[in-house]
């Protein structure tokens, strides 16, 4: 990795105690960026059709180039084993919940929809033909009804 960055190979050991720390830092960076994207989307949601379509587009974009998504689920698994990593995964879950609260204040429904979004993204990693925008829009229409429906 240091070679790719144009740095001496010893630079990684200066900042990280081992490959595990380096991996966790990289995965945390990816998750933090995507949580920020979800937070911005949540801040702009109006509980309507446009916001729901924007989420469907975001989900389709993520599964079309799955490298980042795969990294995030790697961090999920690491966080299951290492509690100190759970804070960063919770940031994404909280941002997704904030988005859903633009459609419903029911805490059970919020958990169901966030879990469904997570599950849909994870399942998309397991197929050679991942869902597209229209697929996600159809599912989100059932999960997040809005007045324009």
Protein backbone atom coordinates (compact mmCIF):
# COMPACT_ATOMS: atom_id res chain seq x y z
CA UNK A 1 0.00 0.00 0.00
CA UNK A 2 2.84 2.37 0.79
CA UNK A 3 4.24 1.76 -2.68
CA UNK A 4 0.87 2.72 -4.23
CA UNK A 5 0.94 5.96 -2.23
CA UNK A 6 4.50 6.67 -3.35
CA UNK A 7 5.86 6.38 0.20
CA UNK A 8 8.62 4.29 1.70
CA UNK A 9 7.40 0.84 2.71
CA UNK A 10 8.34 1.56 6.32
CA UNK A 11 5.89 4.47 6.54
CA UNK A 12 2.93 2.19 7.25
CA UNK A 13 4.65 0.73 10.31
CA UNK A 14 5.32 4.25 11.56
CA UNK A 15 1.58 5.01 11.74
CA UNK A 16 0.12 1.54 12.35
CA UNK A 17 1.20 -1.18 14.76
CA UNK A 18 0.24 -3.92 12.32
CA UNK A 19 -1.80 -4.93 9.31
CA UNK A 20 -4.92 -5.28 11.47
CA UNK A 21 -4.72 -1.64 12.59
CA UNK A 22 -4.11 -0.52 9.02
CA UNK A 23 -7.08 -2.53 7.76
CA UNK A 24 -9.37 -1.17 10.47
CA UNK A 25 -8.29 2.40 9.73
CA UNK A 26 -9.02 1.96 6.02
CA UNK A 27 -12.40 0.36 6.66
CA UNK A 28 -13.29 3.05 9.20
CA UNK A 29 -12.45 5.73 6.66
CA UNK A 30 -14.78 4.17 4.09
CA UNK A 31 -17.62 3.80 6.59
CA UNK A 32 -17.20 7.37 7.86
CA UNK A 33 -17.39 8.78 4.33
CA UNK A 34 -20.54 6.83 3.51
CA UNK A 35 -22.13 7.75 6.84
CA UNK A 36 -21.51 11.39 5.94
CA UNK A 37 -23.24 10.88 2.61
CA UNK A 38 -26.23 9.30 4.36
CA UNK A 39 -26.29 12.12 6.93
CA UNK A 40 -26.46 14.71 4.15
CA UNK A 41 -29.28 12.78 2.50
CA UNK A 42 -31.11 12.55 5.84
CA UNK A 43 -30.73 16.29 6.40
CA UNK A 44 -32.34 16.98 3.02
CA UNK A 45 -35.18 14.46 3.20
CA UNK A 46 -38.69 15.82 3.08
CA UNK A 47 -40.47 12.49 3.47
CA UNK A 48 -41.45 12.58 -0.15
CA UNK A 49 -40.93 10.87 -3.46
CA UNK A 50 -37.77 12.77 -4.46
CA UNK A 51 -35.92 11.81 -1.29
CA UNK A 52 -36.93 8.19 -1.66
CA UNK A 53 -35.75 8.17 -5.29
CA UNK A 54 -32.47 9.73 -4.21
CA UNK A 55 -31.97 6.91 -1.72
CA UNK A 56 -32.80 4.33 -4.40
CA UNK A 57 -30.21 5.94 -6.70
CA UNK A 58 -27.61 5.95 -3.93
CA UNK A 59 -28.25 2.28 -3.19
CA UNK A 60 -28.01 1.38 -6.88
CA UNK A 61 -24.76 3.32 -7.24
CA UNK A 62 -23.28 1.57 -4.21
CA UNK A 63 -24.09 -1.94 -5.43
CA UNK A 64 -22.97 -1.20 -9.00
CA UNK A 65 -19.40 -0.70 -7.75
CA UNK A 66 -19.38 -2.95 -4.69
CA UNK A 67 -15.80 -2.51 -3.45
CA UNK A 68 -16.67 0.14 -0.87
CA UNK A 69 -19.79 -1.71 0.24
CA UNK A 70 -17.81 -4.89 0.71
CA UNK A 71 -15.31 -2.94 2.83
CA UNK A 72 -18.14 -1.63 4.99
CA UNK A 73 -19.48 -5.09 5.65
CA UNK A 74 -15.95 -6.23 6.47
CA UNK A 75 -15.93 -3.49 9.12
CA UNK A 76 -19.32 -4.72 10.38
CA UNK A 77 -17.81 -8.15 10.90
CA UNK A 78 -14.74 -6.68 12.57
CA UNK A 79 -17.01 -4.63 14.85
CA UNK A 80 -18.87 -7.79 15.85
CA UNK A 81 -15.54 -9.13 17.11
CA UNK A 82 -14.06 -5.86 18.37
CA UNK A 83 -16.45 -3.62 20.31
CA UNK A 84 -14.17 -0.59 19.97
CA UNK A 85 -15.08 -0.48 16.26
CA UNK A 86 -18.82 -0.39 16.82
CA UNK A 87 -19.02 3.37 17.18
CA UNK A 88 -18.24 3.98 13.51
CA UNK A 89 -20.76 1.39 12.33
CA UNK A 90 -23.36 2.95 14.62
CA UNK A 91 -22.79 6.33 12.95
CA UNK A 92 -23.99 4.89 9.63
CA UNK A 93 -26.95 3.15 11.25
CA UNK A 94 -27.93 6.39 13.02
CA UNK A 95 -27.71 8.35 9.77
CA UNK A 96 -29.91 5.80 8.01
CA UNK A 97 -32.40 5.95 10.89
CA UNK A 98 -32.47 9.75 10.61
CA UNK A 99 -33.37 9.41 6.93
CA UNK A 100 -36.19 6.97 7.71
CA UNK A 101 -37.53 9.30 10.41
CA UNK A 102 -38.31 11.70 7.59
CA UNK A 103 -41.06 9.21 6.70
CA UNK A 104 -42.09 7.77 10.06
CA UNK A 105 -41.50 8.42 13.75
CA UNK A 106 -42.48 4.87 14.71
CA UNK A 107 -39.27 3.47 16.28
CA UNK A 108 -40.11 -0.11 15.35
CA UNK A 109 -40.72 0.82 11.71
CA UNK A 110 -37.46 2.81 11.68
CA UNK A 111 -35.54 -0.28 12.84
CA UNK A 112 -37.32 -2.48 10.30
CA UNK A 113 -36.56 -0.16 7.39
CA UNK A 114 -32.91 0.38 8.38
CA UNK A 115 -32.53 -3.40 8.71
CA UNK A 116 -34.15 -3.88 5.31
CA UNK A 117 -31.82 -1.36 3.68
CA UNK A 118 -28.83 -3.09 5.24
CA UNK A 119 -30.09 -6.51 4.17
CA UNK A 120 -30.81 -5.39 0.62
CA UNK A 121 -27.31 -3.99 0.25
CA UNK A 122 -25.72 -7.10 1.72
CA UNK A 123 -27.75 -9.41 -0.54
CA UNK A 124 -26.74 -7.33 -3.55
CA UNK A 125 -23.13 -8.37 -2.88
CA UNK A 126 -24.16 -11.99 -3.41
CA UNK A 127 -25.49 -11.70 -6.94
CA UNK A 128 -23.96 -11.22 -10.35
CA UNK A 129 -26.93 -9.04 -11.35
CA UNK A 130 -27.40 -6.51 -8.52
CA UNK A 131 -30.63 -4.53 -8.22
CA UNK A 132 -30.90 -1.23 -10.02
CA UNK A 133 -32.66 2.03 -9.24
CA UNK A 134 -36.09 0.75 -10.33
CA UNK A 135 -35.71 -2.35 -8.15
CA UNK A 136 -34.81 -0.31 -5.10
CA UNK A 137 -37.55 2.25 -5.81
CA UNK A 138 -40.15 -0.51 -5.89
CA UNK A 139 -39.00 -1.91 -2.55
CA UNK A 140 -38.64 1.51 -0.92
CA UNK A 141 -42.15 2.43 -2.08
CA UNK A 142 -43.48 -0.35 0.17
CA UNK A 143 -41.11 0.44 3.04
CA UNK A 144 -41.42 4.23 2.96
CA UNK A 145 -44.84 5.30 1.70
CA UNK A 146 -45.25 8.98 0.98
CA UNK A 147 -48.17 11.27 0.06
CA UNK A 148 -47.24 11.31 -3.64
CA UNK A 149 -47.77 7.53 -3.99
